PDB file of N, CA and C in Angstrom:
ATOM      1  N   UNK A   1      12.670  -5.824   3.829  1.00  0.00           N
ATOM      2  CA  UNK A   1      13.250  -5.045   2.764  1.00  0.00           C
ATOM      3  C   UNK A   1      14.744  -4.875   3.060  1.00  0.00           C
ATOM      4  N   UNK A   2      15.570  -5.260   2.116  1.00  0.00           N
ATOM      5  CA  UNK A   2      17.005  -5.106   2.266  1.00  0.00           C
ATOM      6  C   UNK A   2      17.391  -3.633   2.125  1.00  0.00           C
ATOM      7  N   UNK A   3      18.543  -3.288   2.625  1.00  0.00           N
ATOM      8  CA  UNK A   3      19.000  -1.898   2.597  1.00  0.00           C
ATOM      9  C   UNK A   3      19.151  -1.398   1.164  1.00  0.00           C
ATOM     10  N   UNK A   4      19.553  -2.267   0.232  1.00  0.00           N
ATOM     11  CA  UNK A   4      19.793  -1.861  -1.151  1.00  0.00           C
ATOM     12  C   UNK A   4      18.516  -1.682  -1.969  1.00  0.00           C
ATOM     13  N   UNK A   5      17.393  -2.198  -1.477  1.00  0.00           N
ATOM     14  CA  UNK A   5      16.138  -2.084  -2.212  1.00  0.00           C
ATOM     15  C   UNK A   5      15.578  -0.673  -2.074  1.00  0.00           C
ATOM     16  N   UNK A   6      14.981  -0.141  -3.175  1.00  0.00           N
ATOM     17  CA  UNK A   6      14.379   1.190  -3.070  1.00  0.00           C
ATOM     18  C   UNK A   6      13.165   1.176  -2.139  1.00  0.00           C
ATOM     19  N   UNK A   7      12.985   2.249  -1.417  1.00  0.00           N
ATOM     20  CA  UNK A   7      11.867   2.360  -0.488  1.00  0.00           C
ATOM     21  C   UNK A   7      10.607   2.736  -1.267  1.00  0.00           C
ATOM     22  N   UNK A   8       9.528   1.928  -1.166  1.00  0.00           N
ATOM     23  CA  UNK A   8       8.304   2.254  -1.896  1.00  0.00           C
ATOM     24  C   UNK A   8       7.493   3.381  -1.262  1.00  0.00           C
ATOM     25  N   UNK A   9       7.893   3.839  -0.066  1.00  0.00           N
ATOM     26  CA  UNK A   9       7.192   4.925   0.623  1.00  0.00           C
ATOM     27  C   UNK A   9       7.907   6.236   0.330  1.00  0.00           C
ATOM     28  N   UNK A  10       7.185   7.154  -0.310  1.00  0.00           N
ATOM     29  CA  UNK A  10       7.767   8.413  -0.731  1.00  0.00           C
ATOM     30  C   UNK A  10       7.181   9.584   0.047  1.00  0.00           C
ATOM     31  N   UNK A  11       7.988  10.618   0.251  1.00  0.00           N
ATOM     32  CA  UNK A  11       7.452  11.854   0.789  1.00  0.00           C
ATOM     33  C   UNK A  11       6.867  12.649  -0.386  1.00  0.00           C
ATOM     34  N   UNK A  12       6.303  13.806  -0.120  1.00  0.00           N
ATOM     35  CA  UNK A  12       5.618  14.558  -1.176  1.00  0.00           C
ATOM     36  C   UNK A  12       6.587  15.005  -2.276  1.00  0.00           C
ATOM     37  N   UNK A  13       7.797  15.424  -1.899  1.00  0.00           N
ATOM     38  CA  UNK A  13       8.777  15.835  -2.910  1.00  0.00           C
ATOM     39  C   UNK A  13       9.147  14.675  -3.823  1.00  0.00           C
ATOM     40  N   UNK A  14       9.344  13.508  -3.239  1.00  0.00           N
ATOM     41  CA  UNK A  14       9.672  12.327  -4.044  1.00  0.00           C
ATOM     42  C   UNK A  14       8.477  11.906  -4.891  1.00  0.00           C
ATOM     43  N   UNK A  15       7.265  12.021  -4.326  1.00  0.00           N
ATOM     44  CA  UNK A  15       6.047  11.651  -5.053  1.00  0.00           C
ATOM     45  C   UNK A  15       5.839  12.540  -6.266  1.00  0.00           C
ATOM     46  N   UNK A  16       6.100  13.840  -6.127  1.00  0.00           N
ATOM     47  CA  UNK A  16       5.908  14.750  -7.263  1.00  0.00           C
ATOM     48  C   UNK A  16       6.870  14.411  -8.390  1.00  0.00           C
ATOM     49  N   UNK A  17       8.071  13.959  -8.040  1.00  0.00           N
ATOM     50  CA  UNK A  17       9.029  13.534  -9.051  1.00  0.00           C
ATOM     51  C   UNK A  17       8.577  12.231  -9.701  1.00  0.00           C
ATOM     52  N   UNK A  18       8.030  11.329  -8.897  1.00  0.00           N
ATOM     53  CA  UNK A  18       7.570  10.026  -9.391  1.00  0.00           C
ATOM     54  C   UNK A  18       6.507  10.198 -10.479  1.00  0.00           C
ATOM     55  N   UNK A  19       5.559  11.113 -10.251  1.00  0.00           N
ATOM     56  CA  UNK A  19       4.455  11.301 -11.205  1.00  0.00           C
ATOM     57  C   UNK A  19       4.615  12.544 -12.072  1.00  0.00           C
ATOM     58  N   UNK A  20       5.692  13.290 -11.840  1.00  0.00           N
ATOM     59  CA  UNK A  20       6.017  14.474 -12.646  1.00  0.00           C
ATOM     60  C   UNK A  20       4.919  15.536 -12.613  1.00  0.00           C
ATOM     61  N   UNK A  21       4.591  15.953 -11.412  1.00  0.00           N
ATOM     62  CA  UNK A  21       3.634  17.046 -11.232  1.00  0.00           C
ATOM     63  C   UNK A  21       4.120  17.909 -10.075  1.00  0.00           C
ATOM     64  N   UNK A  22       3.387  18.922  -9.713  1.00  0.00           N
ATOM     65  CA  UNK A  22       3.779  19.800  -8.625  1.00  0.00           C
ATOM     66  C   UNK A  22       3.327  19.284  -7.271  1.00  0.00           C
ATOM     67  N   UNK A  23       3.957  19.815  -6.224  1.00  0.00           N
ATOM     68  CA  UNK A  23       3.585  19.428  -4.866  1.00  0.00           C
ATOM     69  C   UNK A  23       2.141  19.798  -4.569  1.00  0.00           C
ATOM     70  N   UNK A  24       1.682  20.939  -5.075  1.00  0.00           N
ATOM     71  CA  UNK A  24       0.302  21.365  -4.839  1.00  0.00           C
ATOM     72  C   UNK A  24      -0.673  20.335  -5.380  1.00  0.00           C
ATOM     73  N   UNK A  25      -0.369  19.766  -6.525  1.00  0.00           N
ATOM     74  CA  UNK A  25      -1.226  18.737  -7.128  1.00  0.00           C
ATOM     75  C   UNK A  25      -1.338  17.526  -6.195  1.00  0.00           C
ATOM     76  N   UNK A  26      -0.216  17.123  -5.611  1.00  0.00           N
ATOM     77  CA  UNK A  26      -0.207  15.983  -4.678  1.00  0.00           C
ATOM     78  C   UNK A  26      -1.032  16.320  -3.434  1.00  0.00           C
ATOM     79  N   UNK A  27      -0.788  17.488  -2.843  1.00  0.00           N
ATOM     80  CA  UNK A  27      -1.529  17.876  -1.633  1.00  0.00           C
ATOM     81  C   UNK A  27      -3.032  17.985  -1.899  1.00  0.00           C
ATOM     82  N   UNK A  28      -3.417  18.534  -3.033  1.00  0.00           N
ATOM     83  CA  UNK A  28      -4.835  18.664  -3.372  1.00  0.00           C
ATOM     84  C   UNK A  28      -5.483  17.289  -3.550  1.00  0.00           C
ATOM     85  N   UNK A  29      -4.776  16.376  -4.199  1.00  0.00           N
ATOM     86  CA  UNK A  29      -5.312  15.023  -4.401  1.00  0.00           C
ATOM     87  C   UNK A  29      -5.525  14.319  -3.060  1.00  0.00           C
ATOM     88  N   UNK A  30      -4.613  14.518  -2.132  1.00  0.00           N
ATOM     89  CA  UNK A  30      -4.770  13.936  -0.793  1.00  0.00           C
ATOM     90  C   UNK A  30      -5.957  14.581  -0.090  1.00  0.00           C
ATOM     91  N   UNK A  31      -6.024  15.904  -0.139  1.00  0.00           N
ATOM     92  CA  UNK A  31      -7.095  16.653   0.524  1.00  0.00           C
ATOM     93  C   UNK A  31      -8.477  16.241   0.023  1.00  0.00           C
ATOM     94  N   UNK A  32      -8.602  16.009  -1.284  1.00  0.00           N
ATOM     95  CA  UNK A  32      -9.892  15.665  -1.889  1.00  0.00           C
ATOM     96  C   UNK A  32     -10.185  14.162  -1.884  1.00  0.00           C
ATOM     97  N   UNK A  33      -9.325  13.380  -1.245  1.00  0.00           N
ATOM     98  CA  UNK A  33      -9.554  11.948  -1.131  1.00  0.00           C
ATOM     99  C   UNK A  33      -9.310  11.178  -2.421  1.00  0.00           C
ATOM    100  N   UNK A  34      -8.587  11.757  -3.347  1.00  0.00           N
ATOM    101  CA  UNK A  34      -8.278  11.079  -4.612  1.00  0.00           C
ATOM    102  C   UNK A  34      -7.020  10.230  -4.518  1.00  0.00           C
ATOM    103  N   UNK A  35      -6.129  10.575  -3.588  1.00  0.00           N
ATOM    104  CA  UNK A  35      -4.849   9.888  -3.431  1.00  0.00           C
ATOM    105  C   UNK A  35      -4.683   9.455  -1.981  1.00  0.00           C
ATOM    106  N   UNK A  36      -4.406   8.167  -1.780  1.00  0.00           N
ATOM    107  CA  UNK A  36      -4.167   7.658  -0.431  1.00  0.00           C
ATOM    108  C   UNK A  36      -2.823   8.167   0.072  1.00  0.00           C
ATOM    109  N   UNK A  37      -2.754   8.430   1.362  1.00  0.00           N
ATOM    110  CA  UNK A  37      -1.511   8.845   2.001  1.00  0.00           C
ATOM    111  C   UNK A  37      -1.570   8.488   3.480  1.00  0.00           C
ATOM    112  N   UNK A  38      -0.410   8.320   4.065  1.00  0.00           N
ATOM    113  CA  UNK A  38      -0.285   8.063   5.494  1.00  0.00           C
ATOM    114  C   UNK A  38       0.398   9.276   6.104  1.00  0.00           C
ATOM    115  N   UNK A  39      -0.163   9.792   7.173  1.00  0.00           N
ATOM    116  CA  UNK A  39       0.447  10.939   7.834  1.00  0.00           C
ATOM    117  C   UNK A  39       1.349  10.436   8.949  1.00  0.00           C
ATOM    118  N   UNK A  40       2.614  10.839   8.886  1.00  0.00           N
ATOM    119  CA  UNK A  40       3.604  10.477   9.895  1.00  0.00           C
ATOM    120  C   UNK A  40       4.102  11.783  10.499  1.00  0.00           C
ATOM    121  N   UNK A  41       3.633  12.082  11.688  1.00  0.00           N
ATOM    122  CA  UNK A  41       3.941  13.381  12.281  1.00  0.00           C
ATOM    123  C   UNK A  41       3.262  14.467  11.461  1.00  0.00           C
ATOM    124  N   UNK A  42       4.044  15.387  10.920  1.00  0.00           N
ATOM    125  CA  UNK A  42       3.501  16.451  10.090  1.00  0.00           C
ATOM    126  C   UNK A  42       3.651  16.152   8.597  1.00  0.00           C
ATOM    127  N   UNK A  43       4.288  15.042   8.274  1.00  0.00           N
ATOM    128  CA  UNK A  43       4.586  14.719   6.874  1.00  0.00           C
ATOM    129  C   UNK A  43       3.699  13.586   6.352  1.00  0.00           C
ATOM    130  N   UNK A  44       3.543  13.561   5.052  1.00  0.00           N
ATOM    131  CA  UNK A  44       2.815  12.478   4.400  1.00  0.00           C
ATOM    132  C   UNK A  44       3.794  11.480   3.799  1.00  0.00           C
ATOM    133  N   UNK A  45       3.386  10.228   3.761  1.00  0.00           N
ATOM    134  CA  UNK A  45       4.102   9.174   3.041  1.00  0.00           C
ATOM    135  C   UNK A  45       3.098   8.530   2.098  1.00  0.00           C
ATOM    136  N   UNK A  46       3.536   8.341   0.869  1.00  0.00           N
ATOM    137  CA  UNK A  46       2.654   7.812  -0.174  1.00  0.00           C
ATOM    138  C   UNK A  46       3.344   6.622  -0.814  1.00  0.00           C
ATOM    139  N   UNK A  47       2.649   5.506  -0.878  1.00  0.00           N
ATOM    140  CA  UNK A  47       3.208   4.298  -1.478  1.00  0.00           C
ATOM    141  C   UNK A  47       3.215   4.444  -2.993  1.00  0.00           C
ATOM    142  N   UNK A  48       4.250   3.938  -3.636  1.00  0.00           N
ATOM    143  CA  UNK A  48       4.364   4.060  -5.089  1.00  0.00           C
ATOM    144  C   UNK A  48       3.197   3.394  -5.817  1.00  0.00           C
ATOM    145  N   UNK A  49       2.658   2.305  -5.269  1.00  0.00           N
ATOM    146  CA  UNK A  49       1.495   1.649  -5.896  1.00  0.00           C
ATOM    147  C   UNK A  49       0.283   2.568  -5.878  1.00  0.00           C
ATOM    148  N   UNK A  50       0.126   3.348  -4.806  1.00  0.00           N
ATOM    149  CA  UNK A  50      -0.994   4.290  -4.709  1.00  0.00           C
ATOM    150  C   UNK A  50      -0.842   5.406  -5.736  1.00  0.00           C
ATOM    151  N   UNK A  51       0.396   5.862  -5.927  1.00  0.00           N
ATOM    152  CA  UNK A  51       0.646   6.904  -6.931  1.00  0.00           C
ATOM    153  C   UNK A  51       0.331   6.397  -8.335  1.00  0.00           C
ATOM    154  N   UNK A  52       0.752   5.175  -8.628  1.00  0.00           N
ATOM    155  CA  UNK A  52       0.474   4.595  -9.946  1.00  0.00           C
ATOM    156  C   UNK A  52      -1.026   4.434 -10.171  1.00  0.00           C
ATOM    157  N   UNK A  53      -1.739   3.959  -9.141  1.00  0.00           N
ATOM    158  CA  UNK A  53      -3.191   3.789  -9.259  1.00  0.00           C
ATOM    159  C   UNK A  53      -3.879   5.141  -9.455  1.00  0.00           C
ATOM    160  N   UNK A  54      -3.414   6.164  -8.747  1.00  0.00           N
ATOM    161  CA  UNK A  54      -3.977   7.508  -8.881  1.00  0.00           C
ATOM    162  C   UNK A  54      -3.766   8.043 -10.283  1.00  0.00           C
ATOM    163  N   UNK A  55      -2.590   7.861 -10.815  1.00  0.00           N
ATOM    164  CA  UNK A  55      -2.308   8.328 -12.177  1.00  0.00           C
ATOM    165  C   UNK A  55      -3.188   7.603 -13.195  1.00  0.00           C
ATOM    166  N   UNK A  56      -3.357   6.310 -13.032  1.00  0.00           N
ATOM    167  CA  UNK A  56      -4.219   5.546 -13.945  1.00  0.00           C
ATOM    168  C   UNK A  56      -5.661   6.020 -13.834  1.00  0.00           C
ATOM    169  N   UNK A  57      -6.080   6.408 -12.632  1.00  0.00           N
ATOM    170  CA  UNK A  57      -7.460   6.860 -12.448  1.00  0.00           C
ATOM    171  C   UNK A  57      -7.703   8.200 -13.141  1.00  0.00           C
ATOM    172  N   UNK A  58      -6.655   8.953 -13.373  1.00  0.00           N
ATOM    173  CA  UNK A  58      -6.770  10.260 -14.026  1.00  0.00           C
ATOM    174  C   UNK A  58      -6.650  10.165 -15.543  1.00  0.00           C
ATOM    175  N   UNK A  59      -6.367   8.983 -16.039  1.00  0.00           N
ATOM    176  CA  UNK A  59      -6.110   8.810 -17.471  1.00  0.00           C
ATOM    177  C   UNK A  59      -7.374   9.019 -18.302  1.00  0.00           C
ATOM    178  N   UNK A  60      -7.187   9.657 -19.428  1.00  0.00           N
ATOM    179  CA  UNK A  60      -8.237   9.810 -20.422  1.00  0.00           C
ATOM    180  C   UNK A  60      -7.781   9.041 -21.654  1.00  0.00           C
ATOM    181  N   UNK A  61      -8.548   8.065 -22.052  1.00  0.00           N
ATOM    182  CA  UNK A  61      -8.172   7.260 -23.205  1.00  0.00           C
ATOM    183  C   UNK A  61      -8.540   8.031 -24.457  1.00  0.00           C
ATOM    184  N   UNK A  62      -7.523   8.483 -25.179  1.00  0.00           N
ATOM    185  CA  UNK A  62      -7.732   9.280 -26.376  1.00  0.00           C
ATOM    186  C   UNK A  62      -7.970   8.379 -27.578  1.00  0.00           C
ATOM    187  N   UNK A  63      -7.229   7.292 -27.662  1.00  0.00           N
ATOM    188  CA  UNK A  63      -7.357   6.376 -28.789  1.00  0.00           C
ATOM    189  C   UNK A  63      -7.408   4.950 -28.261  1.00  0.00           C
ATOM    190  N   UNK A  64      -8.597   4.449 -27.944  1.00  0.00           N
ATOM    191  CA  UNK A  64      -8.706   3.117 -27.344  1.00  0.00           C
ATOM    192  C   UNK A  64      -8.282   1.991 -28.287  1.00  0.00           C
ATOM    193  N   UNK A  65      -8.184   2.254 -29.578  1.00  0.00           N
ATOM    194  CA  UNK A  65      -7.785   1.218 -30.520  1.00  0.00           C
ATOM    195  C   UNK A  65      -6.273   1.151 -30.723  1.00  0.00           C
ATOM    196  N   UNK A  66      -5.524   2.022 -30.069  1.00  0.00           N
ATOM    197  CA  UNK A  66      -4.074   2.013 -30.197  1.00  0.00           C
ATOM    198  C   UNK A  66      -3.511   0.738 -29.568  1.00  0.00           C
ATOM    199  N   UNK A  67      -2.392   0.239 -30.098  1.00  0.00           N
ATOM    200  CA  UNK A  67      -1.807  -0.980 -29.526  1.00  0.00           C
ATOM    201  C   UNK A  67      -1.321  -0.735 -28.103  1.00  0.00           C
ATOM    202  N   UNK A  68      -1.355  -1.764 -27.316  1.00  0.00           N
ATOM    203  CA  UNK A  68      -0.892  -1.682 -25.925  1.00  0.00           C
ATOM    204  C   UNK A  68      -1.890  -2.391 -25.031  1.00  0.00           C
ATOM    205  N   UNK A  69      -1.444  -2.763 -23.840  1.00  0.00           N
ATOM    206  CA  UNK A  69      -2.335  -3.480 -22.933  1.00  0.00           C
ATOM    207  C   UNK A  69      -3.460  -2.590 -22.435  1.00  0.00           C
ATOM    208  N   UNK A  70      -4.603  -3.191 -22.223  1.00  0.00           N
ATOM    209  CA  UNK A  70      -5.747  -2.458 -21.667  1.00  0.00           C
ATOM    210  C   UNK A  70      -5.507  -2.236 -20.179  1.00  0.00           C
ATOM    211  N   UNK A  71      -5.848  -1.066 -19.695  1.00  0.00           N
ATOM    212  CA  UNK A  71      -5.719  -0.738 -18.282  1.00  0.00           C
ATOM    213  C   UNK A  71      -7.101  -0.522 -17.694  1.00  0.00           C
ATOM    214  N   UNK A  72      -7.225  -0.828 -16.432  1.00  0.00           N
ATOM    215  CA  UNK A  72      -8.500  -0.592 -15.765  1.00  0.00           C
ATOM    216  C   UNK A  72      -8.754   0.907 -15.728  1.00  0.00           C
ATOM    217  N   UNK A  73      -9.987   1.294 -15.908  1.00  0.00           N
ATOM    218  CA  UNK A  73     -10.359   2.711 -15.883  1.00  0.00           C
ATOM    219  C   UNK A  73     -11.159   2.984 -14.635  1.00  0.00           C
ATOM    220  N   UNK A  74     -10.725   3.976 -13.883  1.00  0.00           N
ATOM    221  CA  UNK A  74     -11.418   4.395 -12.685  1.00  0.00           C
ATOM    222  C   UNK A  74     -11.836   5.840 -12.872  1.00  0.00           C
ATOM    223  N   UNK A  75     -13.108   6.118 -13.065  1.00  0.00           N
ATOM    224  CA  UNK A  75     -13.530   7.500 -13.304  1.00  0.00           C
ATOM    225  C   UNK A  75     -13.210   8.408 -12.139  1.00  0.00           C
ATOM    226  N   UNK A  76     -12.897   9.664 -12.447  1.00  0.00           N
ATOM    227  CA  UNK A  76     -12.582  10.643 -11.423  1.00  0.00           C
ATOM    228  C   UNK A  76     -13.835  10.994 -10.623  1.00  0.00           C
ATOM    229  N   UNK A  77     -13.626  11.308  -9.361  1.00  0.00           N
ATOM    230  CA  UNK A  77     -14.725  11.750  -8.514  1.00  0.00           C
ATOM    231  C   UNK A  77     -15.108  13.156  -8.927  1.00  0.00           C
ATOM    232  N   UNK A  78     -16.395  13.417  -8.987  1.00  0.00           N
ATOM    233  CA  UNK A  78     -16.864  14.764  -9.298  1.00  0.00           C
ATOM    234  C   UNK A  78     -16.881  15.574  -8.029  1.00  0.00           C
ATOM    235  N   UNK A  79     -16.319  16.770  -8.096  1.00  0.00           N
ATOM    236  CA  UNK A  79     -16.304  17.645  -6.935  1.00  0.00           C
ATOM    237  C   UNK A  79     -17.275  18.795  -7.160  1.00  0.00           C
ATOM    238  N   UNK A  80     -17.722  19.368  -6.111  1.00  0.00           N
ATOM    239  CA  UNK A  80     -18.567  20.537  -6.276  1.00  0.00           C
ATOM    240  C   UNK A  80     -19.873  20.456  -5.653  1.00  0.00           C
TER     241      UNK A  80
END
């Protein structure tokens, strides 16, 4: 990876900005095994591809006949 290329490994603050949610949401997803993360010391690092896959897994298709490419659907894990 060249110095000018963006780093695909994000910390939790960067990850929350990437997916536009709160830090608590990111930590809970990691805790419940919904989002992959690597622990480096006391901090987490999350790959942007993992964040995108997690967001797609949370998607609810409201109008499946709307134009646009079909995305793979990964049902959410049931907790409880």
